[in-house]
Amino acid sequence: SIDKLEIGGDLITKGDDVVGLHVDQGQIKDLV
């Protein structure tokens, strides 16, 4: 879990069959 996640730029994936933001059973409480 992440209390606060702040990203000033981009989330970039270039490969096949992947995910930019992947939350699997976890938690992001505050996302910017």
Full PDB file with SEQRES, HELIX, SHEET, SSBOND, CRYST1, ORIGX, SCALE, CONECT and MASTER records, all heavy atoms in Angstrom:
SEQRES   1 A   32  SER ILE ASP LYS LEU GLU ILE GLY GLY ASP LEU ILE THR          
SEQRES   2 A   32  LYS GLY ASP ASP VAL VAL GLY LEU HIS VAL ASP GLN GLY          
SEQRES   3 A   32  GLN ILE LYS ASP LEU VAL                                      
CRYST1    1.000    1.000    1.000  90.00  90.00  90.00 P 1           1          
ORIGX1      1.000000  0.000000  0.000000        0.00000                         
ORIGX2      0.000000  1.000000  0.000000        0.00000                         
ORIGX3      0.000000  0.000000  1.000000        0.00000                         
SCALE1      1.000000  0.000000  0.000000        0.00000                         
SCALE2      0.000000  1.000000  0.000000        0.00000                         
SCALE3      0.000000  0.000000  1.000000        0.00000                         
ATOM      1  N   SER A   1       0.846  -1.185   0.000  1.00  0.00           N  
ATOM      2  CA  SER A   1       0.000   0.000   0.000  1.00  0.00           C  
ATOM      3  C   SER A   1       0.888   1.244   0.000  1.00  0.00           C  
ATOM      4  O   SER A   1       1.999   1.226   0.536  1.00  0.00           O  
ATOM      5  CB  SER A   1      -0.949   0.027   1.206  1.00  0.00           C  
ATOM      6  OG  SER A   1      -0.242   0.224   2.414  1.00  0.00           O  
ATOM      7  N   ILE A   2       0.363   2.306  -0.619  1.00  0.00           N  
ATOM      8  CA  ILE A   2       1.075   3.583  -0.698  1.00  0.00           C  
ATOM      9  C   ILE A   2       0.149   4.660  -0.150  1.00  0.00           C  
ATOM     10  O   ILE A   2      -0.965   4.840  -0.645  1.00  0.00           O  
ATOM     11  CB  ILE A   2       1.457   3.918  -2.150  1.00  0.00           C  
ATOM     12  CG1 ILE A   2       2.274   2.777  -2.774  1.00  0.00           C  
ATOM     13  CG2 ILE A   2       2.260   5.212  -2.196  1.00  0.00           C  
ATOM     14  CD1 ILE A   2       2.537   2.947  -4.259  1.00  0.00           C  
ATOM     15  N   ASP A   3       0.603   5.371   0.894  1.00  0.00           N  
ATOM     16  CA  ASP A   3      -0.221   6.433   1.454  1.00  0.00           C  
ATOM     17  C   ASP A   3      -0.453   7.538   0.434  1.00  0.00           C  
ATOM     18  O   ASP A   3      -1.585   7.982   0.233  1.00  0.00           O  
ATOM     19  CB  ASP A   3       0.430   7.022   2.716  1.00  0.00           C  
ATOM     20  CG  ASP A   3       0.357   6.076   3.899  1.00  0.00           C  
ATOM     21  OD1 ASP A   3      -0.446   5.123   3.857  1.00  0.00           O  
ATOM     22  OD2 ASP A   3       1.108   6.295   4.874  1.00  0.00           O  
ATOM     23  N   LYS A   4       0.621   7.988  -0.221  1.00  0.00           N  
ATOM     24  CA  LYS A   4       0.480   9.009  -1.256  1.00  0.00           C  
ATOM     25  C   LYS A   4       1.502   8.761  -2.350  1.00  0.00           C  
ATOM     26  O   LYS A   4       2.698   8.639  -2.081  1.00  0.00           O  
ATOM     27  CB  LYS A   4       0.670  10.417  -0.694  1.00  0.00           C  
ATOM     28  CG  LYS A   4       0.454  11.506  -1.754  1.00  0.00           C  
ATOM     29  CD  LYS A   4       0.484  12.902  -1.159  1.00  0.00           C  
ATOM     30  CE  LYS A   4       0.196  13.950  -2.243  1.00  0.00           C  
ATOM     31  NZ  LYS A   4       0.178  15.329  -1.699  1.00  0.00           N  
ATOM     32  N   LEU A   5       1.002   8.687  -3.589  1.00  0.00           N  
ATOM     33  CA  LEU A   5       1.855   8.513  -4.750  1.00  0.00           C  
ATOM     34  C   LEU A   5       1.673   9.716  -5.658  1.00  0.00           C  
ATOM     35  O   LEU A   5       0.582   9.965  -6.171  1.00  0.00           O  
ATOM     36  CB  LEU A   5       1.492   7.232  -5.497  1.00  0.00           C  
ATOM     37  CG  LEU A   5       2.223   6.967  -6.821  1.00  0.00           C  
ATOM     38  CD1 LEU A   5       3.720   6.855  -6.591  1.00  0.00           C  
ATOM     39  CD2 LEU A   5       1.681   5.707  -7.497  1.00  0.00           C  
ATOM     40  N   GLU A   6       2.764  10.490  -5.852  1.00  0.00           N  
ATOM     41  CA  GLU A   6       2.707  11.684  -6.687  1.00  0.00           C  
ATOM     42  C   GLU A   6       3.698  11.540  -7.826  1.00  0.00           C  
ATOM     43  O   GLU A   6       4.896  11.344  -7.605  1.00  0.00           O  
ATOM     44  CB  GLU A   6       3.015  12.936  -5.873  1.00  0.00           C  
ATOM     45  CG  GLU A   6       2.908  14.222  -6.684  1.00  0.00           C  
ATOM     46  CD  GLU A   6       3.020  15.475  -5.842  1.00  0.00           C  
ATOM     47  OE1 GLU A   6       2.988  15.354  -4.592  1.00  0.00           O  
ATOM     48  OE2 GLU A   6       3.146  16.573  -6.414  1.00  0.00           O  
ATOM     49  N   ILE A   7       3.191  11.646  -9.056  1.00  0.00           N  
ATOM     50  CA  ILE A   7       4.011  11.464 -10.248  1.00  0.00           C  
ATOM     51  C   ILE A   7       3.975  12.763 -11.038  1.00  0.00           C  
ATOM     52  O   ILE A   7       2.918  13.188 -11.521  1.00  0.00           O  
ATOM     53  CB  ILE A   7       3.485  10.301 -11.107  1.00  0.00           C  
ATOM     54  CG1 ILE A   7       3.416   9.020 -10.263  1.00  0.00           C  
ATOM     55  CG2 ILE A   7       4.376  10.089 -12.328  1.00  0.00           C  
ATOM     56  CD1 ILE A   7       2.589   7.917 -10.872  1.00  0.00           C  
ATOM     57  N   GLY A   8       5.137  13.401 -11.176  1.00  0.00           N  
ATOM     58  CA  GLY A   8       5.205  14.683 -11.864  1.00  0.00           C  
ATOM     59  C   GLY A   8       5.174  14.577 -13.366  1.00  0.00           C  
ATOM     60  O   GLY A   8       4.782  15.521 -14.067  1.00  0.00           O  
ATOM     61  N   GLY A   9       5.597  13.417 -13.916  1.00  0.00           N  
ATOM     62  CA  GLY A   9       5.623  13.228 -15.358  1.00  0.00           C  
ATOM     63  C   GLY A   9       4.649  12.164 -15.797  1.00  0.00           C  
ATOM     64  O   GLY A   9       3.501  12.107 -15.343  1.00  0.00           O  
ATOM     65  N   ASP A  10       5.116  11.273 -16.681  1.00  0.00           N  
ATOM     66  CA  ASP A  10       4.269  10.244 -17.278  1.00  0.00           C  
ATOM     67  C   ASP A  10       4.628   8.855 -16.766  1.00  0.00           C  
ATOM     68  O   ASP A  10       5.744   8.617 -16.302  1.00  0.00           O  
ATOM     69  CB  ASP A  10       4.438  10.243 -18.803  1.00  0.00           C  
ATOM     70  CG  ASP A  10       4.056  11.572 -19.444  1.00  0.00           C  
ATOM     71  OD1 ASP A  10       3.191  12.270 -18.878  1.00  0.00           O  
ATOM     72  OD2 ASP A  10       4.631  11.893 -20.503  1.00  0.00           O  
ATOM     73  N   LEU A  11       3.670   7.944 -16.910  1.00  0.00           N  
ATOM     74  CA  LEU A  11       3.916   6.505 -16.799  1.00  0.00           C  
ATOM     75  C   LEU A  11       3.902   5.962 -18.219  1.00  0.00           C  
ATOM     76  O   LEU A  11       2.883   6.054 -18.918  1.00  0.00           O  
ATOM     77  CB  LEU A  11       2.846   5.817 -15.952  1.00  0.00           C  
ATOM     78  CG  LEU A  11       2.724   6.238 -14.497  1.00  0.00           C  
ATOM     79  CD1 LEU A  11       1.636   5.423 -13.800  1.00  0.00           C  
ATOM     80  CD2 LEU A  11       4.041   6.063 -13.759  1.00  0.00           C  
ATOM     81  N   ILE A  12       5.031   5.391 -18.655  1.00  0.00           N  
ATOM     82  CA  ILE A  12       5.173   4.986 -20.047  1.00  0.00           C  
ATOM     83  C   ILE A  12       5.629   3.528 -20.105  1.00  0.00           C  
ATOM     84  O   ILE A  12       6.649   3.166 -19.510  1.00  0.00           O  
ATOM     85  CB  ILE A  12       6.203   5.869 -20.776  1.00  0.00           C  
ATOM     86  CG1 ILE A  12       5.786   7.346 -20.714  1.00  0.00           C  
ATOM     87  CG2 ILE A  12       6.367   5.420 -22.221  1.00  0.00           C  
ATOM     88  CD1 ILE A  12       6.858   8.301 -21.208  1.00  0.00           C  
ATOM     89  N   THR A  13       4.858   2.692 -20.805  1.00  0.00           N  
ATOM     90  CA  THR A  13       5.289   1.325 -21.083  1.00  0.00           C  
ATOM     91  C   THR A  13       5.357   1.145 -22.593  1.00  0.00           C  
ATOM     92  O   THR A  13       4.462   1.561 -23.324  1.00  0.00           O  
ATOM     93  CB  THR A  13       4.327   0.287 -20.481  1.00  0.00           C  
ATOM     94  OG1 THR A  13       3.020   0.454 -21.041  1.00  0.00           O  
ATOM     95  CG2 THR A  13       4.243   0.446 -18.962  1.00  0.00           C  
ATOM     96  N   LYS A  14       6.436   0.508 -23.064  1.00  0.00           N  
ATOM     97  CA  LYS A  14       6.635   0.329 -24.507  1.00  0.00           C  
ATOM     98  C   LYS A  14       6.537  -1.126 -24.943  1.00  0.00           C  
ATOM     99  O   LYS A  14       6.471  -1.413 -26.146  1.00  0.00           O  
ATOM    100  CB  LYS A  14       7.988   0.909 -24.912  1.00  0.00           C  
ATOM    101  CG  LYS A  14       8.099   2.411 -24.644  1.00  0.00           C  
ATOM    102  CD  LYS A  14       9.435   2.969 -25.093  1.00  0.00           C  
ATOM    103  CE  LYS A  14       9.520   4.469 -24.836  1.00  0.00           C  
ATOM    104  NZ  LYS A  14      10.806   5.062 -25.289  1.00  0.00           N  
ATOM    105  N   GLY A  15       6.552  -2.061 -23.983  1.00  0.00           N  
ATOM    106  CA  GLY A  15       6.490  -3.473 -24.330  1.00  0.00           C  
ATOM    107  C   GLY A  15       5.070  -3.975 -24.524  1.00  0.00           C  
ATOM    108  O   GLY A  15       4.089  -3.273 -24.247  1.00  0.00           O  
ATOM    109  N   ASP A  16       4.948  -5.219 -24.984  1.00  0.00           N  
ATOM    110  CA  ASP A  16       3.649  -5.852 -25.196  1.00  0.00           C  
ATOM    111  C   ASP A  16       3.118  -6.452 -23.899  1.00  0.00           C  
ATOM    112  O   ASP A  16       3.872  -6.995 -23.085  1.00  0.00           O  
ATOM    113  CB  ASP A  16       3.775  -6.972 -26.236  1.00  0.00           C  
ATOM    114  CG  ASP A  16       4.067  -6.437 -27.626  1.00  0.00           C  
ATOM    115  OD1 ASP A  16       3.785  -5.248 -27.862  1.00  0.00           O  
ATOM    116  OD2 ASP A  16       4.593  -7.204 -28.447  1.00  0.00           O  
ATOM    117  N   ASP A  17       1.794  -6.351 -23.734  1.00  0.00           N  
ATOM    118  CA  ASP A  17       1.079  -7.042 -22.660  1.00  0.00           C  
ATOM    119  C   ASP A  17       1.603  -6.680 -21.270  1.00  0.00           C  
ATOM    120  O   ASP A  17       1.855  -7.546 -20.431  1.00  0.00           O  
ATOM    121  CB  ASP A  17       1.147  -8.561 -22.871  1.00  0.00           C  
ATOM    122  CG  ASP A  17       0.147  -9.304 -21.986  1.00  0.00           C  
ATOM    123  OD1 ASP A  17      -0.865  -8.708 -21.585  1.00  0.00           O  
ATOM    124  OD2 ASP A  17       0.415 -10.493 -21.671  1.00  0.00           O  
ATOM    125  N   VAL A  18       1.802  -5.396 -21.038  1.00  0.00           N  
ATOM    126  CA  VAL A  18       2.171  -4.901 -19.712  1.00  0.00           C  
ATOM    127  C   VAL A  18       1.184  -3.804 -19.322  1.00  0.00           C  
ATOM    128  O   VAL A  18       0.302  -3.436 -20.085  1.00  0.00           O  
ATOM    129  CB  VAL A  18       3.627  -4.386 -19.677  1.00  0.00           C  
ATOM    130  CG1 VAL A  18       4.602  -5.505 -19.954  1.00  0.00           C  
ATOM    131  CG2 VAL A  18       3.825  -3.258 -20.676  1.00  0.00           C  
ATOM    132  N   VAL A  19       1.345  -3.278 -18.097  1.00  0.00           N  
ATOM    133  CA  VAL A  19       0.380  -2.320 -17.551  1.00  0.00           C  
ATOM    134  C   VAL A  19       1.118  -1.090 -17.029  1.00  0.00           C  
ATOM    135  O   VAL A  19       2.177  -1.210 -16.405  1.00  0.00           O  
ATOM    136  CB  VAL A  19      -0.440  -2.959 -16.406  1.00  0.00           C  
ATOM    137  CG1 VAL A  19      -1.449  -1.960 -15.846  1.00  0.00           C  
ATOM    138  CG2 VAL A  19      -1.155  -4.214 -16.895  1.00  0.00           C  
ATOM    139  N   GLY A  20       0.557   0.068 -17.271  1.00  0.00           N  
ATOM    140  CA  GLY A  20       1.142   1.297 -16.753  1.00  0.00           C  
ATOM    141  C   GLY A  20       1.015   1.398 -15.240  1.00  0.00           C  
ATOM    142  O   GLY A  20       2.011   1.570 -14.525  1.00  0.00           O  
ATOM    143  N   LEU A  21      -0.203   1.272 -14.739  1.00  0.00           N  
ATOM    144  CA  LEU A  21      -0.470   1.311 -13.296  1.00  0.00           C  
ATOM    145  C   LEU A  21      -1.261   0.065 -12.948  1.00  0.00           C  
ATOM    146  O   LEU A  21      -2.425  -0.079 -13.337  1.00  0.00           O  
ATOM    147  CB  LEU A  21      -1.260   2.566 -12.930  1.00  0.00           C  
ATOM    148  CG  LEU A  21      -1.609   2.732 -11.452  1.00  0.00           C  
ATOM    149  CD1 LEU A  21      -0.354   2.907 -10.610  1.00  0.00           C  
ATOM    150  CD2 LEU A  21      -2.557   3.915 -11.251  1.00  0.00           C  
ATOM    151  N   HIS A  22      -0.643  -0.848 -12.219  1.00  0.00           N  
ATOM    152  CA  HIS A  22      -1.224  -2.163 -11.947  1.00  0.00           C  
ATOM    153  C   HIS A  22      -1.357  -2.356 -10.428  1.00  0.00           C  
ATOM    154  O   HIS A  22      -0.348  -2.433  -9.724  1.00  0.00           O  
ATOM    155  CB  HIS A  22      -0.337  -3.253 -12.535  1.00  0.00           C  
ATOM    156  CG  HIS A  22      -1.003  -4.588 -12.594  1.00  0.00           C  
ATOM    157  ND1 HIS A  22      -0.409  -5.687 -13.188  1.00  0.00           N  
ATOM    158  CD2 HIS A  22      -2.225  -5.021 -12.153  1.00  0.00           C  
ATOM    159  CE1 HIS A  22      -1.220  -6.727 -13.106  1.00  0.00           C  
ATOM    160  NE2 HIS A  22      -2.315  -6.346 -12.465  1.00  0.00           N  
ATOM    161  N   VAL A  23      -2.591  -2.401  -9.952  1.00  0.00           N  
ATOM    162  CA  VAL A  23      -2.857  -2.608  -8.529  1.00  0.00           C  
ATOM    163  C   VAL A  23      -3.551  -3.955  -8.387  1.00  0.00           C  
ATOM    164  O   VAL A  23      -4.727  -4.107  -8.729  1.00  0.00           O  
ATOM    165  CB  VAL A  23      -3.733  -1.479  -7.944  1.00  0.00           C  
ATOM    166  CG1 VAL A  23      -3.920  -1.691  -6.444  1.00  0.00           C  
ATOM    167  CG2 VAL A  23      -3.105  -0.114  -8.214  1.00  0.00           C  
ATOM    168  N   ASP A  24      -2.820  -4.943  -7.898  1.00  0.00           N  
ATOM    169  CA  ASP A  24      -3.321  -6.319  -7.768  1.00  0.00           C  
ATOM    170  C   ASP A  24      -3.361  -6.683  -6.289  1.00  0.00           C  
ATOM    171  O   ASP A  24      -2.343  -7.035  -5.703  1.00  0.00           O  
ATOM    172  CB  ASP A  24      -2.417  -7.267  -8.546  1.00  0.00           C  
ATOM    173  CG  ASP A  24      -2.904  -8.704  -8.521  1.00  0.00           C  
ATOM    174  OD1 ASP A  24      -3.945  -8.977  -7.885  1.00  0.00           O  
ATOM    175  OD2 ASP A  24      -2.237  -9.565  -9.128  1.00  0.00           O  
ATOM    176  N   GLN A  25      -4.516  -6.527  -5.673  1.00  0.00           N  
ATOM    177  CA  GLN A  25      -4.765  -6.778  -4.247  1.00  0.00           C  
ATOM    178  C   GLN A  25      -4.171  -5.707  -3.341  1.00  0.00           C  
ATOM    179  O   GLN A  25      -4.382  -5.732  -2.140  1.00  0.00           O  
ATOM    180  CB  GLN A  25      -4.225  -8.145  -3.813  1.00  0.00           C  
ATOM    181  CG  GLN A  25      -4.795  -9.319  -4.592  1.00  0.00           C  
ATOM    182  CD  GLN A  25      -4.292 -10.645  -4.074  1.00  0.00           C  
ATOM    183  OE1 GLN A  25      -4.573 -11.015  -2.939  1.00  0.00           O  
ATOM    184  NE2 GLN A  25      -3.544 -11.369  -4.908  1.00  0.00           N  
ATOM    185  N   GLY A  26      -3.407  -4.779  -3.900  1.00  0.00           N  
ATOM    186  CA  GLY A  26      -2.797  -3.719  -3.105  1.00  0.00           C  
ATOM    187  C   GLY A  26      -3.676  -2.484  -3.023  1.00  0.00           C  
ATOM    188  O   GLY A  26      -4.864  -2.494  -3.372  1.00  0.00           O  
ATOM    189  N   GLN A  27      -3.065  -1.376  -2.584  1.00  0.00           N  
ATOM    190  CA  GLN A  27      -3.847  -0.158  -2.352  1.00  0.00           C  
ATOM    191  C   GLN A  27      -2.986   1.082  -2.577  1.00  0.00           C  
ATOM    192  O   GLN A  27      -1.852   1.150  -2.115  1.00  0.00           O  
ATOM    193  CB  GLN A  27      -4.399  -0.152  -0.916  1.00  0.00           C  
ATOM    194  CG  GLN A  27      -5.257   1.053  -0.582  1.00  0.00           C  
ATOM    195  CD  GLN A  27      -5.741   1.038   0.858  1.00  0.00           C  
ATOM    196  OE1 GLN A  27      -5.099   0.438   1.724  1.00  0.00           O  
ATOM    197  NE2 GLN A  27      -6.859   1.681   1.126  1.00  0.00           N  
ATOM    198  N   ILE A  28      -3.540   2.052  -3.300  1.00  0.00           N  
ATOM    199  CA  ILE A  28      -2.973   3.394  -3.379  1.00  0.00           C  
ATOM    200  C   ILE A  28      -4.010   4.345  -2.799  1.00  0.00           C  
ATOM    201  O   ILE A  28      -5.082   4.544  -3.370  1.00  0.00           O  
ATOM    202  CB  ILE A  28      -2.642   3.796  -4.831  1.00  0.00           C  
ATOM    203  CG1 ILE A  28      -1.652   2.802  -5.450  1.00  0.00           C  
ATOM    204  CG2 ILE A  28      -2.041   5.203  -4.855  1.00  0.00           C  
ATOM    205  CD1 ILE A  28      -1.367   3.057  -6.916  1.00  0.00           C  
ATOM    206  N   LYS A  29      -3.692   4.917  -1.639  1.00  0.00           N  
ATOM    207  CA  LYS A  29      -4.681   5.716  -0.923  1.00  0.00           C  
ATOM    208  C   LYS A  29      -4.880   7.091  -1.534  1.00  0.00           C  
ATOM    209  O   LYS A  29      -5.987   7.634  -1.537  1.00  0.00           O  
ATOM    210  CB  LYS A  29      -4.266   5.845   0.547  1.00  0.00           C  
ATOM    211  CG  LYS A  29      -4.195   4.509   1.275  1.00  0.00           C  
ATOM    212  CD  LYS A  29      -3.709   4.674   2.708  1.00  0.00           C  
ATOM    213  CE  LYS A  29      -3.579   3.326   3.404  1.00  0.00           C  
ATOM    214  NZ  LYS A  29      -3.051   3.474   4.786  1.00  0.00           N  
ATOM    215  N   ASP A  30      -3.808   7.682  -2.039  1.00  0.00           N  
ATOM    216  CA  ASP A  30      -3.884   9.031  -2.597  1.00  0.00           C  
ATOM    217  C   ASP A  30      -2.947   9.089  -3.801  1.00  0.00           C  
ATOM    218  O   ASP A  30      -1.749   8.880  -3.670  1.00  0.00           O  
ATOM    219  CB  ASP A  30      -3.485  10.061  -1.544  1.00  0.00           C  
ATOM    220  CG  ASP A  30      -3.646  11.499  -2.020  1.00  0.00           C  
ATOM    221  OD1 ASP A  30      -4.170  11.702  -3.129  1.00  0.00           O  
ATOM    222  OD2 ASP A  30      -3.245  12.416  -1.280  1.00  0.00           O  
ATOM    223  N   LEU A  31      -3.507   9.355  -4.993  1.00  0.00           N  
ATOM    224  CA  LEU A  31      -2.728   9.361  -6.220  1.00  0.00           C  
ATOM    225  C   LEU A  31      -2.814  10.726  -6.884  1.00  0.00           C  
ATOM    226  O   LEU A  31      -3.908  11.252  -7.117  1.00  0.00           O  
ATOM    227  CB  LEU A  31      -3.238   8.287  -7.185  1.00  0.00           C  
ATOM    228  CG  LEU A  31      -2.641   8.282  -8.593  1.00  0.00           C  
ATOM    229  CD1 LEU A  31      -1.153   7.976  -8.537  1.00  0.00           C  
ATOM    230  CD2 LEU A  31      -3.370   7.282  -9.482  1.00  0.00           C  
ATOM    231  N   VAL A  32      -1.650  11.294  -7.199  1.00  0.00           N  
ATOM    232  CA  VAL A  32      -1.578  12.538  -7.961  1.00  0.00           C  
ATOM    233  C   VAL A  32      -0.711  12.259  -9.185  1.00  0.00           C  
ATOM    234  O   VAL A  32       0.481  11.973  -9.059  1.00  0.00           O  
ATOM    235  CB  VAL A  32      -0.976  13.690  -7.134  1.00  0.00           C  
ATOM    236  CG1 VAL A  32      -0.852  14.943  -7.996  1.00  0.00           C  
ATOM    237  CG2 VAL A  32      -1.825  13.966  -5.895  1.00  0.00           C  
TER     238      VAL A  32                                                      
MASTER        0    0    0    0    0    0    0    6  237    1    0    3          
END                                                                             
